[in-house]
Amino acid sequence: MSAALQSKRVFLQGPNKKYLQCSNSQGDAKCLRSERLDWEALSISLVGQYAVVTSIRNDKYMRCQSDGSVSFTGTEKGDAEQWGVEQKGELLFVISKASGNTMYVDSDGIVSCPDKTRSKQHLW
């Protein structure tokens, strides 16, 4: 991941062509909108080789929960809040450091890390 991305506001488009967002005050991670609104922006910082993604909306870190759900509820930069990437052409697999599972978006726009699958539906 480029050091140039650090501390900049970014938008991450999911496999469903909608942007990752902290969708509510509970920190639910979803990909629901095709438009990019200011409150949907994210910032990225690096911890070693891993990225930490922060929601501009609630100033919390995106984390992979032990049940595979993803939320913007992290307050520390631990393993659950760190993400690796594997490049596949111009797209990326986003992988939880804690579980090794790949980030995925279901048909309702809900983001999770259910397993280690690396398929087209897991490309960001």
N, C-alpha and C. Protein backbone atom coordinates (compact mmCIF):
# COMPACT_ATOMS: atom_id res chain seq x y z
N MET A 1 0.84 -1.16 0.00
CA MET A 1 0.00 0.00 0.00
C MET A 1 0.89 1.23 0.00
N SER A 2 0.53 2.18 -0.80
CA SER A 2 1.33 3.38 -0.96
C SER A 2 1.28 4.27 0.28
N ALA A 3 2.44 4.78 0.66
CA ALA A 3 2.50 5.73 1.78
C ALA A 3 1.74 7.00 1.43
N ALA A 4 1.55 7.28 0.14
CA ALA A 4 0.82 8.47 -0.29
C ALA A 4 -0.65 8.42 0.12
N LEU A 5 -1.20 7.22 0.36
CA LEU A 5 -2.60 7.10 0.78
C LEU A 5 -2.81 7.47 2.25
N GLN A 6 -1.78 7.41 3.04
CA GLN A 6 -1.93 7.66 4.46
C GLN A 6 -2.49 9.06 4.72
N SER A 7 -3.45 9.13 5.63
CA SER A 7 -4.04 10.38 6.10
C SER A 7 -4.87 11.11 5.04
N LYS A 8 -5.04 10.54 3.87
CA LYS A 8 -5.91 11.15 2.87
C LYS A 8 -7.29 10.53 2.97
N ARG A 9 -8.28 11.31 2.57
CA ARG A 9 -9.63 10.77 2.52
C ARG A 9 -9.77 9.94 1.26
N VAL A 10 -10.27 8.74 1.43
CA VAL A 10 -10.43 7.83 0.30
C VAL A 10 -11.83 7.22 0.33
N PHE A 11 -12.23 6.68 -0.79
CA PHE A 11 -13.49 5.94 -0.91
C PHE A 11 -13.14 4.56 -1.44
N LEU A 12 -13.68 3.52 -0.83
CA LEU A 12 -13.38 2.15 -1.22
C LEU A 12 -14.64 1.55 -1.85
N GLN A 13 -14.56 1.23 -3.13
CA GLN A 13 -15.69 0.68 -3.86
C GLN A 13 -15.71 -0.83 -3.74
N GLY A 14 -16.83 -1.36 -3.30
CA GLY A 14 -16.97 -2.80 -3.10
C GLY A 14 -17.25 -3.54 -4.39
N PRO A 15 -17.27 -4.86 -4.31
CA PRO A 15 -17.56 -5.70 -5.47
C PRO A 15 -18.93 -5.41 -6.09
N ASN A 16 -19.85 -4.85 -5.30
CA ASN A 16 -21.18 -4.51 -5.79
C ASN A 16 -21.22 -3.12 -6.43
N LYS A 17 -20.04 -2.49 -6.60
CA LYS A 17 -19.89 -1.17 -7.23
C LYS A 17 -20.48 -0.04 -6.37
N LYS A 18 -20.65 -0.30 -5.08
CA LYS A 18 -21.11 0.71 -4.13
C LYS A 18 -20.01 0.94 -3.10
N TYR A 19 -20.03 2.09 -2.45
CA TYR A 19 -18.91 2.48 -1.60
C TYR A 19 -19.08 2.04 -0.16
N LEU A 20 -17.97 1.59 0.41
CA LEU A 20 -17.92 1.18 1.81
C LEU A 20 -18.18 2.40 2.70
N GLN A 21 -19.02 2.20 3.72
CA GLN A 21 -19.36 3.28 4.62
C GLN A 21 -19.67 2.76 6.01
N CYS A 22 -19.51 3.64 6.98
CA CYS A 22 -20.04 3.41 8.32
C CYS A 22 -21.48 3.89 8.23
N SER A 23 -22.43 2.96 8.18
CA SER A 23 -23.79 3.30 7.78
C SER A 23 -24.67 3.89 8.88
N ASN A 24 -24.24 3.78 10.14
CA ASN A 24 -25.08 4.30 11.23
C ASN A 24 -24.24 4.51 12.48
N SER A 25 -24.87 4.99 13.53
CA SER A 25 -24.13 5.30 14.76
C SER A 25 -23.62 4.04 15.47
N GLN A 26 -24.14 2.87 15.13
CA GLN A 26 -23.65 1.62 15.70
C GLN A 26 -22.38 1.13 15.01
N GLY A 27 -22.01 1.76 13.90
CA GLY A 27 -20.77 1.41 13.21
C GLY A 27 -20.89 0.30 12.18
N ASP A 28 -22.12 -0.03 11.75
CA ASP A 28 -22.28 -1.10 10.76
C ASP A 28 -21.55 -0.76 9.46
N ALA A 29 -20.78 -1.70 8.95
CA ALA A 29 -20.06 -1.52 7.68
C ALA A 29 -20.93 -2.06 6.55
N LYS A 30 -21.25 -1.17 5.61
CA LYS A 30 -22.09 -1.56 4.48
C LYS A 30 -21.61 -0.87 3.22
N CYS A 31 -22.01 -1.43 2.08
CA CYS A 31 -21.79 -0.82 0.77
C CYS A 31 -23.17 -0.63 0.15
N LEU A 32 -23.72 0.59 0.30
CA LEU A 32 -25.11 0.82 -0.08
C LEU A 32 -25.31 1.87 -1.17
N ARG A 33 -24.34 2.76 -1.37
CA ARG A 33 -24.56 3.89 -2.25
C ARG A 33 -23.52 3.94 -3.37
N SER A 34 -23.99 4.36 -4.55
CA SER A 34 -23.09 4.56 -5.68
C SER A 34 -22.45 5.94 -5.64
N GLU A 35 -23.08 6.87 -4.92
CA GLU A 35 -22.56 8.22 -4.81
C GLU A 35 -21.55 8.29 -3.67
N ARG A 36 -20.65 9.25 -3.76
CA ARG A 36 -19.66 9.45 -2.71
C ARG A 36 -20.00 10.73 -1.95
N LEU A 37 -20.43 10.59 -0.71
CA LEU A 37 -20.73 11.73 0.13
C LEU A 37 -19.61 11.92 1.14
N ASP A 38 -19.40 13.15 1.59
CA ASP A 38 -18.29 13.44 2.50
C ASP A 38 -18.25 12.52 3.72
N TRP A 39 -19.42 12.23 4.31
CA TRP A 39 -19.43 11.42 5.53
C TRP A 39 -19.07 9.96 5.27
N GLU A 40 -19.03 9.54 4.01
CA GLU A 40 -18.66 8.16 3.67
C GLU A 40 -17.15 7.99 3.49
N ALA A 41 -16.42 9.09 3.56
CA ALA A 41 -14.97 9.02 3.35
C ALA A 41 -14.31 8.21 4.46
N LEU A 42 -13.20 7.61 4.11
CA LEU A 42 -12.39 6.82 5.03
C LEU A 42 -10.98 7.39 5.03
N SER A 43 -10.24 7.15 6.08
CA SER A 43 -8.81 7.46 6.04
C SER A 43 -8.05 6.17 6.32
N ILE A 44 -6.85 6.11 5.79
CA ILE A 44 -6.02 4.91 5.92
C ILE A 44 -4.70 5.29 6.57
N SER A 45 -4.30 4.50 7.55
CA SER A 45 -2.97 4.65 8.13
C SER A 45 -2.31 3.28 8.12
N LEU A 46 -1.01 3.25 8.26
CA LEU A 46 -0.28 1.98 8.21
C LEU A 46 0.26 1.62 9.58
N VAL A 47 0.17 0.33 9.90
CA VAL A 47 0.82 -0.25 11.06
C VAL A 47 1.67 -1.38 10.50
N GLY A 48 2.95 -1.12 10.34
CA GLY A 48 3.80 -2.10 9.67
C GLY A 48 3.35 -2.27 8.24
N GLN A 49 3.07 -3.52 7.85
CA GLN A 49 2.62 -3.84 6.49
C GLN A 49 1.11 -3.80 6.34
N TYR A 50 0.39 -3.50 7.40
CA TYR A 50 -1.07 -3.57 7.40
C TYR A 50 -1.71 -2.19 7.41
N ALA A 51 -2.90 -2.11 6.82
CA ALA A 51 -3.67 -0.87 6.79
C ALA A 51 -4.67 -0.86 7.94
N VAL A 52 -4.90 0.31 8.48
CA VAL A 52 -5.96 0.54 9.44
C VAL A 52 -6.89 1.56 8.79
N VAL A 53 -8.17 1.22 8.67
CA VAL A 53 -9.15 2.05 7.99
C VAL A 53 -10.04 2.72 9.03
N THR A 54 -10.16 4.03 8.95
CA THR A 54 -10.94 4.80 9.92
C THR A 54 -12.11 5.47 9.21
N SER A 55 -13.29 5.40 9.82
CA SER A 55 -14.46 6.10 9.30
C SER A 55 -14.40 7.57 9.70
N ILE A 56 -14.63 8.44 8.73
CA ILE A 56 -14.72 9.87 9.03
C ILE A 56 -16.00 10.14 9.84
N ARG A 57 -17.03 9.33 9.62
CA ARG A 57 -18.33 9.53 10.28
C ARG A 57 -18.24 9.38 11.80
N ASN A 58 -17.61 8.30 12.28
CA ASN A 58 -17.60 8.07 13.73
C ASN A 58 -16.20 8.01 14.33
N ASP A 59 -15.17 8.20 13.51
CA ASP A 59 -13.78 8.22 13.96
C ASP A 59 -13.37 6.92 14.67
N LYS A 60 -13.92 5.79 14.18
CA LYS A 60 -13.57 4.47 14.72
C LYS A 60 -12.92 3.65 13.62
N TYR A 61 -12.14 2.66 14.05
CA TYR A 61 -11.42 1.79 13.11
C TYR A 61 -12.32 0.66 12.64
N MET A 62 -12.18 0.30 11.35
CA MET A 62 -12.90 -0.85 10.82
C MET A 62 -12.26 -2.12 11.39
N ARG A 63 -13.10 -3.03 11.87
CA ARG A 63 -12.56 -4.25 12.47
C ARG A 63 -13.34 -5.47 12.02
N CYS A 64 -12.65 -6.59 12.02
CA CYS A 64 -13.26 -7.89 11.75
C CYS A 64 -13.57 -8.53 13.11
N GLN A 65 -14.84 -8.72 13.39
CA GLN A 65 -15.25 -9.34 14.65
C GLN A 65 -14.99 -10.85 14.59
N SER A 66 -14.96 -11.50 15.74
CA SER A 66 -14.69 -12.94 15.79
C SER A 66 -15.75 -13.77 15.05
N ASP A 67 -16.97 -13.22 14.89
CA ASP A 67 -18.03 -13.94 14.16
C ASP A 67 -17.98 -13.68 12.66
N GLY A 68 -16.99 -12.89 12.19
CA GLY A 68 -16.85 -12.60 10.78
C GLY A 68 -17.53 -11.31 10.34
N SER A 69 -18.30 -10.69 11.22
CA SER A 69 -18.93 -9.41 10.86
C SER A 69 -17.87 -8.32 10.84
N VAL A 70 -18.14 -7.26 10.09
CA VAL A 70 -17.23 -6.13 9.99
C VAL A 70 -17.97 -4.88 10.46
N SER A 71 -17.30 -4.09 11.27
CA SER A 71 -17.92 -2.86 11.78
C SER A 71 -16.86 -1.80 12.01
N PHE A 72 -17.32 -0.57 12.11
CA PHE A 72 -16.45 0.54 12.47
C PHE A 72 -16.64 0.82 13.95
N THR A 73 -16.05 -0.04 14.78
CA THR A 73 -16.21 0.08 16.23
C THR A 73 -14.89 -0.02 16.97
N GLY A 74 -13.79 -0.21 16.26
CA GLY A 74 -12.49 -0.38 16.89
C GLY A 74 -11.97 0.91 17.49
N THR A 75 -11.35 0.79 18.65
CA THR A 75 -10.75 1.96 19.31
C THR A 75 -9.24 1.79 19.46
N GLU A 76 -8.73 0.62 19.12
CA GLU A 76 -7.29 0.35 19.17
C GLU A 76 -6.85 -0.16 17.80
N LYS A 77 -5.57 -0.11 17.53
CA LYS A 77 -5.05 -0.61 16.26
C LYS A 77 -4.48 -2.02 16.45
N GLY A 78 -5.33 -2.93 16.98
CA GLY A 78 -4.92 -4.31 17.20
C GLY A 78 -5.09 -5.14 15.93
N ASP A 79 -4.85 -6.45 16.03
CA ASP A 79 -4.96 -7.33 14.87
C ASP A 79 -6.34 -7.27 14.21
N ALA A 80 -7.42 -7.15 15.01
CA ALA A 80 -8.77 -7.12 14.46
C ALA A 80 -9.03 -5.88 13.61
N GLU A 81 -8.24 -4.83 13.82
CA GLU A 81 -8.41 -3.58 13.07
C GLU A 81 -7.42 -3.45 11.92
N GLN A 82 -6.58 -4.44 11.72
CA GLN A 82 -5.56 -4.35 10.66
C GLN A 82 -5.94 -5.23 9.47
N TRP A 83 -5.65 -4.70 8.28
CA TRP A 83 -6.06 -5.32 7.04
C TRP A 83 -4.89 -5.40 6.07
N GLY A 84 -4.76 -6.56 5.45
CA GLY A 84 -3.77 -6.74 4.40
C GLY A 84 -4.47 -6.70 3.05
N VAL A 85 -3.70 -6.57 2.00
CA VAL A 85 -4.28 -6.60 0.65
C VAL A 85 -3.45 -7.53 -0.23
N GLU A 86 -4.14 -8.19 -1.14
CA GLU A 86 -3.51 -8.98 -2.20
C GLU A 86 -4.01 -8.39 -3.50
N GLN A 87 -3.11 -8.00 -4.36
CA GLN A 87 -3.50 -7.39 -5.63
C GLN A 87 -3.80 -8.46 -6.66
N LYS A 88 -4.88 -8.23 -7.40
CA LYS A 88 -5.30 -9.10 -8.51
C LYS A 88 -5.62 -8.17 -9.67
N GLY A 89 -4.65 -7.93 -10.52
CA GLY A 89 -4.83 -6.94 -11.58
C GLY A 89 -4.95 -5.56 -10.96
N GLU A 90 -6.02 -4.85 -11.32
CA GLU A 90 -6.26 -3.52 -10.77
C GLU A 90 -7.11 -3.57 -9.50
N LEU A 91 -7.54 -4.74 -9.10
CA LEU A 91 -8.41 -4.88 -7.94
C LEU A 91 -7.65 -5.51 -6.78
N LEU A 92 -8.32 -5.55 -5.62
CA LEU A 92 -7.67 -6.04 -4.40
C LEU A 92 -8.57 -7.02 -3.66
N PHE A 93 -7.94 -7.98 -3.00
CA PHE A 93 -8.60 -8.74 -1.95
C PHE A 93 -8.22 -8.04 -0.65
N VAL A 94 -9.18 -7.77 0.21
CA VAL A 94 -8.93 -7.14 1.52
C VAL A 94 -9.03 -8.24 2.56
N ILE A 95 -7.96 -8.44 3.34
CA ILE A 95 -7.86 -9.61 4.21
C ILE A 95 -7.61 -9.19 5.65
N SER A 96 -8.41 -9.74 6.55
CA SER A 96 -8.26 -9.45 7.97
C SER A 96 -6.98 -10.06 8.51
N LYS A 97 -6.18 -9.28 9.20
CA LYS A 97 -4.97 -9.81 9.83
C LYS A 97 -5.34 -10.81 10.92
N ALA A 98 -6.40 -10.52 11.67
CA ALA A 98 -6.79 -11.36 12.80
C ALA A 98 -7.23 -12.76 12.37
N SER A 99 -8.06 -12.85 11.33
CA SER A 99 -8.64 -14.14 10.95
C SER A 99 -8.07 -14.72 9.66
N GLY A 100 -7.46 -13.88 8.83
CA GLY A 100 -7.03 -14.32 7.51
C GLY A 100 -8.18 -14.42 6.52
N ASN A 101 -9.38 -14.04 6.95
CA ASN A 101 -10.55 -14.10 6.08
C ASN A 101 -10.61 -12.90 5.15
N THR A 102 -11.27 -13.10 4.01
CA THR A 102 -11.37 -12.09 2.96
C THR A 102 -12.67 -11.31 3.10
N MET A 103 -12.59 -9.98 2.93
CA MET A 103 -13.77 -9.13 3.05
C MET A 103 -14.69 -9.34 1.86
N TYR A 104 -15.98 -9.34 2.13
CA TYR A 104 -17.02 -9.70 1.16
C TYR A 104 -18.22 -8.79 1.38
N VAL A 105 -19.00 -8.56 0.31
CA VAL A 105 -20.24 -7.80 0.41
C VAL A 105 -21.38 -8.68 -0.10
N ASP A 106 -22.42 -8.86 0.71
CA ASP A 106 -23.55 -9.69 0.26
C ASP A 106 -24.53 -8.86 -0.58
N SER A 107 -25.60 -9.48 -1.05
CA SER A 107 -26.55 -8.82 -1.95
C SER A 107 -27.30 -7.67 -1.27
N ASP A 108 -27.30 -7.62 0.06
CA ASP A 108 -27.93 -6.51 0.80
C ASP A 108 -26.94 -5.40 1.13
N GLY A 109 -25.69 -5.54 0.68
CA GLY A 109 -24.69 -4.52 0.95
C GLY A 109 -23.98 -4.66 2.29
N ILE A 110 -24.23 -5.76 3.01
CA ILE A 110 -23.60 -5.97 4.31
C ILE A 110 -22.20 -6.53 4.12
N VAL A 111 -21.24 -5.91 4.80
CA VAL A 111 -19.84 -6.30 4.67
C VAL A 111 -19.48 -7.30 5.77
N SER A 112 -18.77 -8.35 5.39
CA SER A 112 -18.34 -9.36 6.36
C SER A 112 -17.03 -9.98 5.89
N CYS A 113 -16.45 -10.79 6.75
CA CYS A 113 -15.25 -11.59 6.45
C CYS A 113 -15.57 -13.03 6.81
N PRO A 114 -16.38 -13.70 5.99
CA PRO A 114 -16.88 -15.01 6.37
C PRO A 114 -15.87 -16.15 6.27
N ASP A 115 -14.93 -16.06 5.33
CA ASP A 115 -14.00 -17.17 5.11
C ASP A 115 -12.80 -16.69 4.30
N LYS A 116 -11.98 -17.62 3.88
CA LYS A 116 -10.74 -17.28 3.17
C LYS A 116 -10.88 -17.33 1.65
N THR A 117 -12.11 -17.38 1.16
CA THR A 117 -12.36 -17.46 -0.28
C THR A 117 -11.77 -16.26 -1.01
N ARG A 118 -11.20 -16.53 -2.17
CA ARG A 118 -10.66 -15.47 -3.03
C ARG A 118 -11.34 -15.61 -4.39
N SER A 119 -12.59 -15.13 -4.49
CA SER A 119 -13.34 -15.23 -5.74
C SER A 119 -13.65 -13.83 -6.26
N LYS A 120 -14.26 -13.77 -7.43
CA LYS A 120 -14.62 -12.49 -8.05
C LYS A 120 -15.48 -11.63 -7.12
N GLN A 121 -16.35 -12.26 -6.35
CA GLN A 121 -17.24 -11.52 -5.44
C GLN A 121 -16.50 -10.91 -4.26
N HIS A 122 -15.22 -11.24 -4.09
CA HIS A 122 -14.42 -10.72 -2.99
C HIS A 122 -13.44 -9.63 -3.44
N LEU A 123 -13.46 -9.29 -4.72
CA LEU A 123 -12.53 -8.28 -5.24
C LEU A 123 -13.06 -6.87 -5.05
N TRP A 124 -12.20 -6.01 -4.56
CA TRP A 124 -12.52 -4.60 -4.31
C TRP A 124 -11.80 -3.76 -5.32
